[in-house]
Amino acid sequence: MKTLKDKVAVVTGGNRGIGYSTAQILAEAGAKVVITGRDKESVNNASAELGVKGFIADQRKLETLDELAKSLEDQVGKIDVLFLNAGLGTFQPVSSTPEDVYDLIMDTNLKGTFFTVQKLIPLLNDGASVIFNASVTPILGIPGSSVYAASNAAIVSLARILSKELSDRKIRVNTVSPGTIRAGVHTPSEEEQKKNLMPSEKRSAFENALERRMLLKRYGTACEVGNAVKFLASDESSFVNGSVLTVDGGVTVDSLNY
């Protein structure tokens, strides 16, 4: 069923992982999808594969967000669905996290997301749906995830506050909070690999530990997150506002096994 027929949906970081799969799912639901991303070649390839519009934007740079807002206004018009997905996933202990890594994560995940939504609020239709992508890391307290978890905890707070600030326009604001997914921010970008933010052996141990804790005993897929986003984007969630939808296979359930 085309639950998003003729709706305009913007997906940041839609050139890979969760963003790519979500863009595909929203398009299949009838939405007119626009994706954004930093890497020109990747965005162009993804937009061609998906049959959607693609715009280049680095959300860490406010001037490019101004350009994005202007391009969207000129070429797309009003927005019905905004999925704020772009982000980085990195893991280092507090004791050894350098300032440039802290800045990279916070500038991308928090500052970039904050100013992206700020710049695009004027383009939102009344009754639109805004969905933030966060993470279960603030709940789990995973060693090495301090900056990443803090950025995502801030995103959840931002979404809750924004749901109040936009309520007079009947704009719903929610958050999707994925666990370990086989695509998306857990797949290191070239920039992350150069910084060696999470060595492969540590990543493997981290993922194995999470899998043992998951009630479903498997990793999630980007499509499963995308389907959750589609629900929050559609009228099927018309009474859901200021909420966090956890998509984690039960990893955040603190169960006692005996």
Protein backbone atom coordinates (compact mmCIF):
# COMPACT_ATOMS: atom_id res chain seq x y z
CA MET A 1 0.00 0.00 0.00
CA LYS A 2 1.30 3.46 -0.94
CA THR A 3 1.10 4.95 2.55
CA LEU A 4 3.29 7.91 1.54
CA LYS A 5 1.87 8.60 -1.93
CA ASP A 6 3.11 11.95 -3.29
CA LYS A 7 4.74 12.90 0.02
CA VAL A 8 8.13 14.62 -0.25
CA ALA A 9 10.70 12.84 1.92
CA VAL A 10 14.25 14.03 2.60
CA VAL A 11 16.77 11.49 3.93
CA THR A 12 20.12 12.82 5.13
CA GLY A 13 22.98 10.36 4.70
CA GLY A 14 20.80 8.53 2.19
CA ASN A 15 23.73 7.39 0.08
CA ARG A 16 24.57 4.33 2.20
CA GLY A 17 23.47 1.96 4.93
CA ILE A 18 20.32 2.74 6.88
CA GLY A 19 19.74 5.92 4.92
CA TYR A 20 19.93 4.15 1.56
CA SER A 21 17.57 1.36 2.60
CA THR A 22 15.15 3.83 4.15
CA ALA A 23 15.13 5.98 1.01
CA GLN A 24 14.31 2.88 -1.03
CA ILE A 25 11.48 1.87 1.33
CA LEU A 26 9.98 5.37 1.39
CA ALA A 27 10.10 5.53 -2.41
CA GLU A 28 8.35 2.16 -2.65
CA ALA A 29 5.67 3.57 -0.33
CA GLY A 30 4.98 6.30 -2.90
CA ALA A 31 7.12 9.14 -1.55
CA LYS A 32 9.08 11.54 -3.72
CA VAL A 33 12.46 10.98 -2.10
CA VAL A 34 15.49 13.23 -1.87
CA ILE A 35 18.79 12.01 -0.41
CA THR A 36 21.78 13.97 0.82
CA GLY A 37 25.38 13.04 1.56
CA ARG A 38 28.93 14.38 1.66
CA ASP A 39 30.54 12.26 -1.03
CA LYS A 40 29.53 13.40 -4.51
CA GLU A 41 30.24 10.12 -6.28
CA SER A 42 28.42 8.06 -3.66
CA VAL A 43 25.39 10.37 -3.68
CA ASN A 44 25.24 10.37 -7.48
CA ASN A 45 25.47 6.58 -7.62
CA ALA A 46 22.84 6.08 -4.92
CA SER A 47 20.41 8.59 -6.42
CA ALA A 48 20.75 6.92 -9.83
CA GLU A 49 20.20 3.44 -8.37
CA LEU A 50 17.20 4.56 -6.35
CA GLY A 51 15.74 6.83 -9.00
CA VAL A 52 15.59 9.79 -6.61
CA LYS A 53 17.05 13.28 -6.37
CA GLY A 54 20.43 13.67 -4.68
CA PHE A 55 22.09 16.71 -3.15
CA ILE A 56 25.64 17.13 -1.84
CA ALA A 57 25.82 18.49 1.70
CA ASP A 58 28.30 18.20 4.57
CA GLN A 59 26.20 18.85 7.66
CA ARG A 60 29.28 19.84 9.64
CA LYS A 61 29.51 22.99 7.51
CA LEU A 62 26.68 25.46 7.99
CA GLU A 63 27.27 27.15 4.65
CA THR A 64 26.51 23.91 2.83
CA LEU A 65 23.32 23.53 4.86
CA ASP A 66 22.22 26.98 3.70
CA GLU A 67 22.90 25.89 0.14
CA LEU A 68 20.97 22.65 0.70
CA ALA A 69 17.94 24.50 2.08
CA LYS A 70 17.96 26.87 -0.90
CA SER A 71 18.29 24.00 -3.40
CA LEU A 72 15.47 22.07 -1.75
CA GLU A 73 13.23 25.12 -1.71
CA ASP A 74 13.91 25.84 -5.39
CA GLN A 75 13.79 22.28 -6.73
CA VAL A 76 11.54 20.37 -4.34
CA GLY A 77 9.41 22.82 -2.39
CA LYS A 78 7.80 21.81 0.88
CA ILE A 79 8.85 18.71 2.86
CA ASP A 80 6.44 16.17 4.37
CA VAL A 81 8.96 13.71 5.83
CA LEU A 82 12.43 14.51 7.16
CA PHE A 83 14.67 11.64 8.28
CA LEU A 84 17.77 13.02 10.01
CA ASN A 85 19.97 9.98 9.59
CA ALA A 86 23.51 11.17 8.82
CA GLY A 87 25.98 10.34 11.58
CA LEU A 88 29.25 8.69 12.62
CA GLY A 89 29.77 5.71 14.92
CA THR A 90 33.15 5.67 16.70
CA PHE A 91 34.46 4.06 19.87
CA GLN A 92 37.42 5.07 22.06
CA PRO A 93 37.93 5.22 25.84
CA VAL A 94 37.50 8.59 27.53
CA SER A 95 41.16 8.49 28.60
CA SER A 96 42.45 8.32 25.03
CA THR A 97 39.88 10.27 23.01
CA PRO A 98 41.61 13.24 21.33
CA GLU A 99 39.89 16.54 20.72
CA ASP A 100 39.71 16.07 16.96
CA VAL A 101 37.79 12.80 17.37
CA TYR A 102 35.43 14.42 19.89
CA ASP A 103 34.84 17.29 17.49
CA LEU A 104 34.31 14.95 14.52
CA ILE A 105 31.58 13.01 16.31
CA MET A 106 29.85 15.97 17.95
CA ASP A 107 30.06 18.19 14.88
CA THR A 108 28.53 15.45 12.74
CA ASN A 109 26.02 13.80 15.04
CA LEU A 110 24.81 16.70 17.16
CA LYS A 111 25.79 20.06 15.71
CA GLY A 112 25.22 18.93 12.13
CA THR A 113 21.85 17.37 12.90
CA PHE A 114 20.75 20.36 14.99
CA PHE A 115 21.48 22.88 12.26
CA THR A 116 20.14 20.65 9.49
CA VAL A 117 16.73 20.54 11.12
CA GLN A 118 16.95 24.24 11.98
CA LYS A 119 17.59 25.18 8.35
CA LEU A 120 14.81 22.91 7.06
CA ILE A 121 12.05 23.78 9.55
CA PRO A 122 10.77 26.60 7.30
CA LEU A 123 10.34 24.06 4.48
CA LEU A 124 8.27 21.61 6.54
CA ASN A 125 4.60 21.36 5.72
CA ASP A 126 2.18 21.64 8.60
CA GLY A 127 1.45 18.09 9.72
CA ALA A 128 4.87 16.86 8.56
CA SER A 129 6.81 14.06 10.25
CA VAL A 130 10.38 14.54 11.48
CA ILE A 131 12.35 11.44 12.46
CA PHE A 132 15.77 11.46 14.10
CA ASN A 133 18.14 8.49 13.99
CA ALA A 134 19.82 7.83 17.34
CA SER A 135 21.21 4.67 18.97
CA VAL A 136 20.77 2.35 21.95
CA THR A 137 24.30 3.13 23.17
CA PRO A 138 23.18 5.72 25.77
CA ILE A 139 21.06 2.99 27.41
CA LEU A 140 23.69 0.25 27.30
CA GLY A 141 26.65 2.21 28.68
CA ILE A 142 29.14 0.47 26.37
CA PRO A 143 32.80 1.13 27.26
CA GLY A 144 34.44 3.27 24.60
CA SER A 145 31.18 4.78 23.38
CA SER A 146 31.20 7.89 25.57
CA VAL A 147 31.21 10.59 22.88
CA TYR A 148 29.03 8.66 20.45
CA ALA A 149 26.52 7.78 23.18
CA ALA A 150 26.49 11.35 24.48
CA SER A 151 25.76 12.69 21.00
CA ASN A 152 22.85 10.28 20.61
CA ALA A 153 21.45 11.01 24.06
CA ALA A 154 21.45 14.66 23.05
CA ILE A 155 19.59 13.79 19.83
CA VAL A 156 16.82 12.10 21.82
CA SER A 157 16.48 15.21 24.01
CA LEU A 158 16.51 17.45 20.95
CA ALA A 159 13.71 15.46 19.36
CA ARG A 160 11.53 15.60 22.48
CA ILE A 161 11.96 19.36 22.80
CA LEU A 162 11.36 19.92 19.09
CA SER A 163 8.13 17.93 19.30
CA LYS A 164 6.86 20.57 21.72
CA GLU A 165 8.19 23.51 19.74
CA LEU A 166 6.53 22.35 16.50
CA SER A 167 3.30 21.08 18.04
CA ASP A 168 1.35 24.19 17.04
CA ARG A 169 1.94 23.20 13.42
CA LYS A 170 0.86 19.59 14.07
CA ILE A 171 4.35 18.42 13.10
CA ARG A 172 5.22 15.13 14.77
CA VAL A 173 8.81 14.56 15.90
CA ASN A 174 10.05 11.11 16.86
CA THR A 175 13.27 9.15 17.13
CA VAL A 176 14.23 5.71 15.87
CA SER A 177 16.90 4.04 17.99
CA PRO A 178 18.65 1.10 16.28
CA GLY A 179 20.75 -1.54 17.94
CA THR A 180 23.45 -3.44 16.06
CA ILE A 181 22.59 -3.20 12.38
CA ARG A 182 24.48 -4.78 9.50
CA ALA A 183 24.71 -1.44 7.74
CA GLY A 184 24.77 2.26 8.53
CA VAL A 185 26.89 4.03 11.12
CA HIS A 186 28.43 0.74 12.31
CA THR A 187 30.05 0.39 8.88
CA PRO A 188 33.20 2.54 9.11
CA SER A 189 33.55 5.25 6.50
CA GLU A 190 36.85 5.89 4.74
CA GLU A 191 37.42 8.85 7.03
CA GLU A 192 36.87 6.72 10.13
CA GLN A 193 39.17 4.00 8.81
CA LYS A 194 41.94 6.54 8.30
CA LYS A 195 41.57 7.66 11.92
CA ASN A 196 41.46 4.00 13.05
CA LEU A 197 38.67 4.86 15.47
CA MET A 198 37.67 1.25 16.04
CA PRO A 199 40.10 -1.52 15.05
CA SER A 200 38.49 -4.50 13.34
CA GLU A 201 39.32 -6.93 16.17
CA LYS A 202 37.59 -4.68 18.72
CA ARG A 203 34.62 -4.22 16.40
CA SER A 204 34.27 -8.00 16.11
CA ALA A 205 34.40 -8.49 19.89
CA PHE A 206 31.92 -5.64 20.38
CA GLU A 207 29.43 -7.08 17.88
CA ASN A 208 29.77 -10.61 19.28
CA ALA A 209 29.07 -9.35 22.80
CA LEU A 210 25.97 -7.50 21.62
CA GLU A 211 24.73 -10.53 19.69
CA ARG A 212 24.95 -12.68 22.83
CA ARG A 213 22.79 -10.15 24.66
CA MET A 214 20.15 -9.78 21.92
CA LEU A 215 16.97 -11.71 22.61
CA LEU A 216 16.54 -12.46 18.89
CA LYS A 217 20.19 -13.64 18.63
CA ARG A 218 20.84 -11.94 15.32
CA TYR A 219 21.80 -8.60 13.84
CA GLY A 220 19.17 -6.27 12.50
CA THR A 221 19.07 -5.09 8.91
CA ALA A 222 18.93 -1.60 7.50
CA CYS A 223 15.56 -2.47 5.96
CA GLU A 224 14.13 -3.26 9.40
CA VAL A 225 15.11 0.20 10.58
CA GLY A 226 13.74 1.65 7.35
CA ASN A 227 10.38 0.01 7.96
CA ALA A 228 10.26 1.59 11.42
CA VAL A 229 10.98 4.96 9.84
CA LYS A 230 8.22 4.39 7.28
CA PHE A 231 5.78 3.74 10.12
CA LEU A 232 6.76 6.97 11.88
CA ALA A 233 6.58 8.87 8.58
CA SER A 234 3.08 7.69 7.72
CA ASP A 235 -0.38 8.41 9.09
CA GLU A 236 -0.30 4.94 10.67
CA SER A 237 1.61 6.62 13.52
CA SER A 238 -0.61 9.72 13.59
CA PHE A 239 -0.87 9.68 17.41
CA VAL A 240 2.84 8.97 18.01
CA ASN A 241 4.79 12.10 18.94
CA GLY A 242 7.89 12.79 21.05
CA SER A 243 8.60 9.07 21.26
CA VAL A 244 11.60 6.79 20.79
CA LEU A 245 11.05 3.64 18.74
CA THR A 246 13.75 1.12 19.63
CA VAL A 247 14.77 -1.32 16.88
CA ASP A 248 17.35 -3.51 18.59
CA GLY A 249 16.24 -7.14 18.73
CA GLY A 250 15.78 -6.84 22.49
CA VAL A 251 19.37 -5.90 23.34
CA THR A 252 18.21 -3.20 25.76
CA VAL A 253 16.03 -5.60 27.75
CA ASP A 254 17.85 -6.14 31.05
CA SER A 255 16.78 -9.73 31.57
CA LEU A 256 17.86 -12.20 34.24
CA ASN A 257 18.72 -15.63 32.90
CA TYR A 258 18.56 -18.55 35.37
